[in-house]
Amino acid sequence: MQNKGTHPRPTGDFAILLKVRDTLDSDGALNWDEALPVSEWEGVATDPDAKILRVIGLTLAWQGLTGRIPAELARLSKLHWLDLASNDLTGIIPPALGRLRNLESLRLNANSLTGIIPPSLGRLSMLCELDIGANGLTGAIPPDLGRLSNLYLLSFFNNELSGAIPPALGELTNLVLLDLSDNRLDGELPSELCNLTNLENLFLADNRLTGEIPACLGKLPNLTMFDLTGNRFTGEIPPEMGGSLRALPEEFE
């Protein structure tokens, strides 16, 4: 192991970062360079207890990044969090990110990403936060995400997602926030969402959802914020929707 203050030639995880730098950071905003000790590399967190330095986190929000997300990031096998939010990244979400089995937080929101949500993200069994809102993603929500049993935040707001809300999302019983608003989702609300007993915030506004609102949603014990405005629901507001729930649907046929 290198002594503090030395400038070792990057190997292992740090060599991987140098390889992806020119793709992830096409405008040269980051200071990742062999001339600097890895402890000074911007946004890079390492495991202080490991005998060999390993990258455990990348926090690169608001860095002006303009390239694509390199699939090579999936080789950082000890990564626990990856935050690339609020940049100008383009292209697809690499399916290879599904190999990051230690990942607990994935934030790719507020970029210009396109393509589908990779079903492979459903393999990230340790994931607690998944935020890919405010992009240009299309296609359906993969039912595979229903396997993410540790997830407490799931946000896909402001994309161009279509199709029905998968009933498999009802398996995410640790969810506290579910935000699918401002997409093109259609079909009826699956009654399986009534299994989300830890849910506090449910935002489904500005989609093309139809049918009646399941009355059981009004019985979720922790739900306090609930927005279904701008959809195509029919019927009446269920009486179970008590006064503690705010932002109820405005329009019914």
Protein backbone atom coordinates (compact mmCIF):
# COMPACT_ATOMS: atom_id res chain seq x y z
CA MET A 1 0.00 0.00 0.00
CA GLN A 2 1.28 3.45 -0.94
CA ASN A 3 2.27 5.98 1.70
CA LYS A 4 0.23 9.12 2.09
CA GLY A 5 1.42 12.01 0.01
CA THR A 6 2.80 9.87 -2.83
CA HIS A 7 1.50 9.98 -6.36
CA PRO A 8 1.12 6.32 -7.30
CA ARG A 9 0.38 5.34 -10.86
CA PRO A 10 -3.35 4.55 -10.87
CA THR A 11 -4.17 0.87 -11.05
CA GLY A 12 -7.29 -1.19 -10.50
CA ASP A 13 -10.39 0.95 -9.96
CA PHE A 14 -8.50 4.16 -10.64
CA ALA A 15 -7.22 2.92 -13.97
CA ILE A 16 -10.85 2.19 -14.84
CA LEU A 17 -11.79 5.78 -13.97
CA LEU A 18 -9.08 7.12 -16.24
CA LYS A 19 -10.39 4.97 -19.08
CA VAL A 20 -13.95 6.26 -18.68
CA ARG A 21 -12.96 9.87 -18.01
CA ASP A 22 -12.92 11.00 -21.62
CA THR A 23 -16.37 9.53 -22.23
CA LEU A 24 -18.02 10.66 -19.02
CA ASP A 25 -16.25 14.01 -19.02
CA SER A 26 -15.85 15.01 -22.66
CA ASP A 27 -15.29 18.68 -21.74
CA GLY A 28 -12.59 18.01 -19.15
CA ALA A 29 -14.49 19.29 -16.11
CA LEU A 30 -12.99 16.72 -13.73
CA ASN A 31 -9.50 16.81 -12.24
CA TRP A 32 -8.90 13.06 -12.55
CA ASP A 33 -5.25 12.82 -13.54
CA GLU A 34 -2.24 10.63 -12.80
CA ALA A 35 -0.42 13.74 -11.56
CA LEU A 36 -2.76 13.95 -8.55
CA PRO A 37 -3.08 11.48 -5.67
CA VAL A 38 -6.37 9.65 -5.93
CA SER A 39 -7.44 11.18 -2.60
CA GLU A 40 -7.78 14.50 -4.45
CA TRP A 41 -9.80 13.21 -7.38
CA GLU A 42 -13.06 15.14 -7.46
CA GLY A 43 -16.19 13.23 -6.44
CA VAL A 44 -14.38 9.94 -5.75
CA ALA A 45 -14.87 8.15 -2.42
CA THR A 46 -12.68 5.22 -1.38
CA ASP A 47 -12.83 2.54 1.29
CA PRO A 48 -10.44 3.68 4.05
CA ASP A 49 -10.25 0.19 5.57
CA ALA A 50 -9.36 -1.74 2.45
CA LYS A 51 -5.78 -2.94 1.98
CA ILE A 52 -6.09 -2.09 -1.70
CA LEU A 53 -7.77 1.22 -2.47
CA ARG A 54 -11.22 0.62 -3.94
CA VAL A 55 -13.78 3.12 -5.21
CA ILE A 56 -17.01 2.89 -3.20
CA GLY A 57 -18.77 6.04 -4.39
CA LEU A 58 -18.93 8.60 -7.20
CA THR A 59 -20.67 11.90 -6.41
CA LEU A 60 -20.58 13.93 -9.61
CA ALA A 61 -23.82 15.92 -9.62
CA TRP A 62 -23.74 19.45 -11.11
CA GLN A 63 -20.33 18.94 -12.72
CA GLY A 64 -21.22 20.02 -16.26
CA LEU A 65 -20.60 16.51 -17.62
CA THR A 66 -21.61 16.25 -21.27
CA GLY A 67 -20.65 12.78 -22.50
CA ARG A 68 -22.29 9.39 -22.23
CA ILE A 69 -22.45 7.04 -19.27
CA PRO A 70 -19.70 4.48 -19.93
CA ALA A 71 -20.56 0.82 -19.48
CA GLU A 72 -17.08 0.41 -18.00
CA LEU A 73 -18.38 1.90 -14.75
CA ALA A 74 -19.87 -1.54 -14.11
CA ARG A 75 -16.32 -2.79 -13.47
CA LEU A 76 -16.21 -0.78 -10.21
CA SER A 77 -17.49 -3.79 -8.32
CA LYS A 78 -17.35 -2.18 -4.84
CA LEU A 79 -19.40 0.87 -5.82
CA HIS A 80 -22.12 1.72 -3.27
CA TRP A 81 -23.41 4.94 -4.77
CA LEU A 82 -23.36 6.53 -8.21
CA ASP A 83 -24.64 10.10 -8.49
CA LEU A 84 -24.49 11.67 -11.95
CA ALA A 85 -27.54 13.89 -11.48
CA SER A 86 -28.02 17.37 -12.95
CA ASN A 87 -25.53 17.17 -15.79
CA ASP A 88 -25.96 17.11 -19.58
CA LEU A 89 -25.29 13.43 -20.12
CA THR A 90 -26.79 11.86 -23.23
CA GLY A 91 -27.34 8.38 -24.65
CA ILE A 92 -28.72 5.31 -22.94
CA ILE A 93 -28.48 3.93 -19.44
CA PRO A 94 -25.98 1.09 -19.92
CA PRO A 95 -27.55 -2.29 -19.09
CA ALA A 96 -24.15 -3.26 -17.67
CA LEU A 97 -24.89 -1.14 -14.58
CA GLY A 98 -27.02 -4.08 -13.47
CA ARG A 99 -23.76 -5.82 -12.51
CA LEU A 100 -23.09 -3.35 -9.66
CA ARG A 101 -24.42 -5.74 -7.01
CA ASN A 102 -23.25 -3.55 -4.09
CA LEU A 103 -24.96 -0.41 -5.35
CA GLU A 104 -27.31 1.22 -2.84
CA SER A 105 -28.04 4.54 -4.57
CA LEU A 106 -28.32 5.32 -8.30
CA ARG A 107 -29.12 8.92 -9.24
CA LEU A 108 -29.13 9.79 -12.94
CA ASN A 109 -31.91 12.39 -12.80
CA ALA A 110 -31.93 15.71 -14.63
CA ASN A 111 -29.85 14.74 -17.65
CA SER A 112 -30.72 14.14 -21.31
CA LEU A 113 -30.73 10.36 -21.27
CA THR A 114 -32.79 8.45 -23.83
CA GLY A 115 -33.78 4.87 -24.55
CA ILE A 116 -35.43 2.41 -22.18
CA ILE A 117 -35.01 1.64 -18.50
CA PRO A 118 -32.78 -1.45 -18.58
CA PRO A 119 -34.51 -4.48 -17.00
CA SER A 120 -31.06 -5.45 -15.69
CA LEU A 121 -31.42 -2.77 -13.00
CA GLY A 122 -33.74 -5.26 -11.33
CA ARG A 123 -30.65 -7.24 -10.32
CA LEU A 124 -29.43 -4.50 -7.98
CA SER A 125 -30.70 -6.23 -4.86
CA MET A 126 -29.03 -3.78 -2.45
CA LEU A 127 -30.50 -0.68 -4.12
CA CYS A 128 -32.35 1.74 -1.83
CA GLU A 129 -32.66 4.79 -4.10
CA LEU A 130 -33.35 4.85 -7.84
CA ASP A 131 -33.89 8.30 -9.34
CA ILE A 132 -33.82 8.67 -13.11
CA GLY A 133 -36.41 11.43 -13.38
CA ALA A 134 -36.24 14.41 -15.74
CA ASN A 135 -34.72 12.68 -18.74
CA GLY A 136 -36.10 11.55 -22.11
CA LEU A 137 -36.58 7.86 -21.37
CA THR A 138 -39.16 5.89 -23.36
CA GLY A 139 -40.77 2.48 -23.27
CA ALA A 140 -42.39 0.59 -20.42
CA ILE A 141 -41.44 0.34 -16.76
CA PRO A 142 -39.73 -3.07 -16.42
CA PRO A 143 -41.57 -5.46 -14.07
CA ASP A 144 -38.07 -6.67 -13.09
CA LEU A 145 -37.81 -3.66 -10.77
CA GLY A 146 -40.29 -5.37 -8.48
CA ARG A 147 -37.37 -7.46 -7.19
CA LEU A 148 -35.72 -4.42 -5.56
CA SER A 149 -37.02 -5.23 -2.09
CA ASN A 150 -34.80 -2.67 -0.30
CA LEU A 151 -35.95 0.27 -2.41
CA TYR A 152 -37.44 3.21 -0.49
CA LEU A 153 -37.27 5.85 -3.25
CA LEU A 154 -38.31 5.29 -6.85
CA SER A 155 -38.60 8.32 -9.12
CA PHE A 156 -39.18 8.29 -12.88
CA PHE A 157 -40.98 11.64 -13.12
CA ASN A 158 -40.85 13.79 -16.28
CA ASN A 159 -39.87 11.22 -18.89
CA GLU A 160 -41.79 9.75 -21.83
CA LEU A 161 -42.52 6.34 -20.33
CA SER A 162 -45.56 4.52 -21.67
CA GLY A 163 -47.64 1.44 -20.97
CA ALA A 164 -49.22 0.28 -17.74
CA ILE A 165 -47.86 0.56 -14.23
CA PRO A 166 -46.52 -2.95 -13.50
CA PRO A 167 -48.34 -4.75 -10.67
CA ALA A 168 -44.88 -5.98 -9.63
CA LEU A 169 -44.19 -2.55 -8.11
CA GLY A 170 -46.54 -3.65 -5.34
CA GLU A 171 -43.72 -5.92 -4.15
CA LEU A 172 -41.64 -2.90 -3.13
CA THR A 173 -42.99 -2.86 0.40
CA ASN A 174 -40.23 -0.60 1.75
CA LEU A 175 -41.08 2.23 -0.63
CA VAL A 176 -41.58 5.63 1.01
CA LEU A 177 -41.77 7.67 -2.21
CA LEU A 178 -43.05 6.63 -5.63
CA ASP A 179 -43.03 9.32 -8.32
CA LEU A 180 -44.15 8.36 -11.83
CA SER A 181 -45.69 11.73 -12.68
CA ASP A 182 -45.47 13.52 -16.03
CA ASN A 183 -45.13 10.51 -18.32
CA ARG A 184 -47.45 8.75 -20.79
CA LEU A 185 -48.50 5.85 -18.59
CA ASP A 186 -51.94 4.40 -19.26
CA GLY A 187 -54.26 1.69 -18.03
CA GLU A 188 -55.72 1.25 -14.57
CA LEU A 189 -53.97 1.61 -11.25
CA PRO A 190 -52.95 -1.89 -10.10
CA SER A 191 -54.53 -2.80 -6.78
CA GLU A 192 -51.14 -4.27 -5.81
CA LEU A 193 -50.04 -0.73 -4.94
CA CYS A 194 -52.18 -1.16 -1.83
CA ASN A 195 -49.43 -3.44 -0.50
CA LEU A 196 -47.08 -0.46 -0.10
CA THR A 197 -47.77 0.03 3.59
CA ASN A 198 -44.70 2.23 4.17
CA LEU A 199 -45.57 4.62 1.36
CA GLU A 200 -45.79 8.29 2.35
CA ASN A 201 -45.73 10.01 -1.05
CA LEU A 202 -47.44 8.80 -4.24
CA PHE A 203 -47.19 11.05 -7.30
CA LEU A 204 -48.85 9.84 -10.51
CA ALA A 205 -50.05 13.15 -11.96
CA ASP A 206 -50.09 14.06 -15.66
CA ASN A 207 -50.32 10.63 -17.21
CA ARG A 208 -53.13 8.88 -19.14
CA LEU A 209 -54.35 6.59 -16.36
CA THR A 210 -57.94 5.37 -16.53
CA GLY A 211 -60.49 3.41 -14.52
CA GLU A 212 -61.37 3.83 -10.88
CA ILE A 213 -59.02 4.59 -8.02
CA PRO A 214 -58.64 1.50 -5.83
CA ALA A 215 -60.37 2.29 -2.54
CA CYS A 216 -57.67 0.41 -0.63
CA LEU A 217 -55.16 3.19 -1.41
CA GLY A 218 -57.04 5.32 1.10
CA LYS A 219 -56.21 2.79 3.80
CA LEU A 220 -52.44 2.96 3.45
CA PRO A 221 -51.40 3.87 7.01
CA ASN A 222 -48.53 6.25 6.18
CA LEU A 223 -49.74 7.91 2.98
CA THR A 224 -49.98 11.69 3.38
CA MET A 225 -49.19 13.10 -0.08
CA PHE A 226 -51.13 11.77 -3.05
CA ASP A 227 -51.39 13.41 -6.48
CA LEU A 228 -53.40 11.93 -9.35
CA THR A 229 -54.29 15.16 -11.16
CA GLY A 230 -54.25 15.33 -14.94
CA ASN A 231 -55.37 11.75 -15.65
CA ARG A 232 -58.56 10.18 -17.08
CA PHE A 233 -60.10 8.47 -14.08
CA THR A 234 -63.77 7.59 -13.89
CA GLY A 235 -66.14 7.13 -10.98
CA GLU A 236 -66.13 8.92 -7.68
CA ILE A 237 -63.38 9.66 -5.22
CA PRO A 238 -63.42 6.70 -2.80
CA PRO A 239 -64.74 7.68 0.64
CA GLU A 240 -61.66 6.01 2.11
CA MET A 241 -59.62 8.94 0.87
CA GLY A 242 -59.53 10.85 4.15
CA GLY A 243 -58.71 14.47 4.89
CA SER A 244 -55.09 13.64 5.67
CA LEU A 245 -54.41 12.98 1.97
CA ARG A 246 -53.59 16.06 -0.07
CA ALA A 247 -53.59 16.84 -3.81
CA LEU A 248 -56.46 14.51 -4.71
CA PRO A 249 -57.60 14.07 -8.34
CA GLU A 250 -59.33 17.12 -9.78
CA GLU A 251 -61.06 15.64 -12.81
CA PHE A 252 -63.33 12.63 -13.19
CA GLU A 253 -65.55 11.66 -16.06
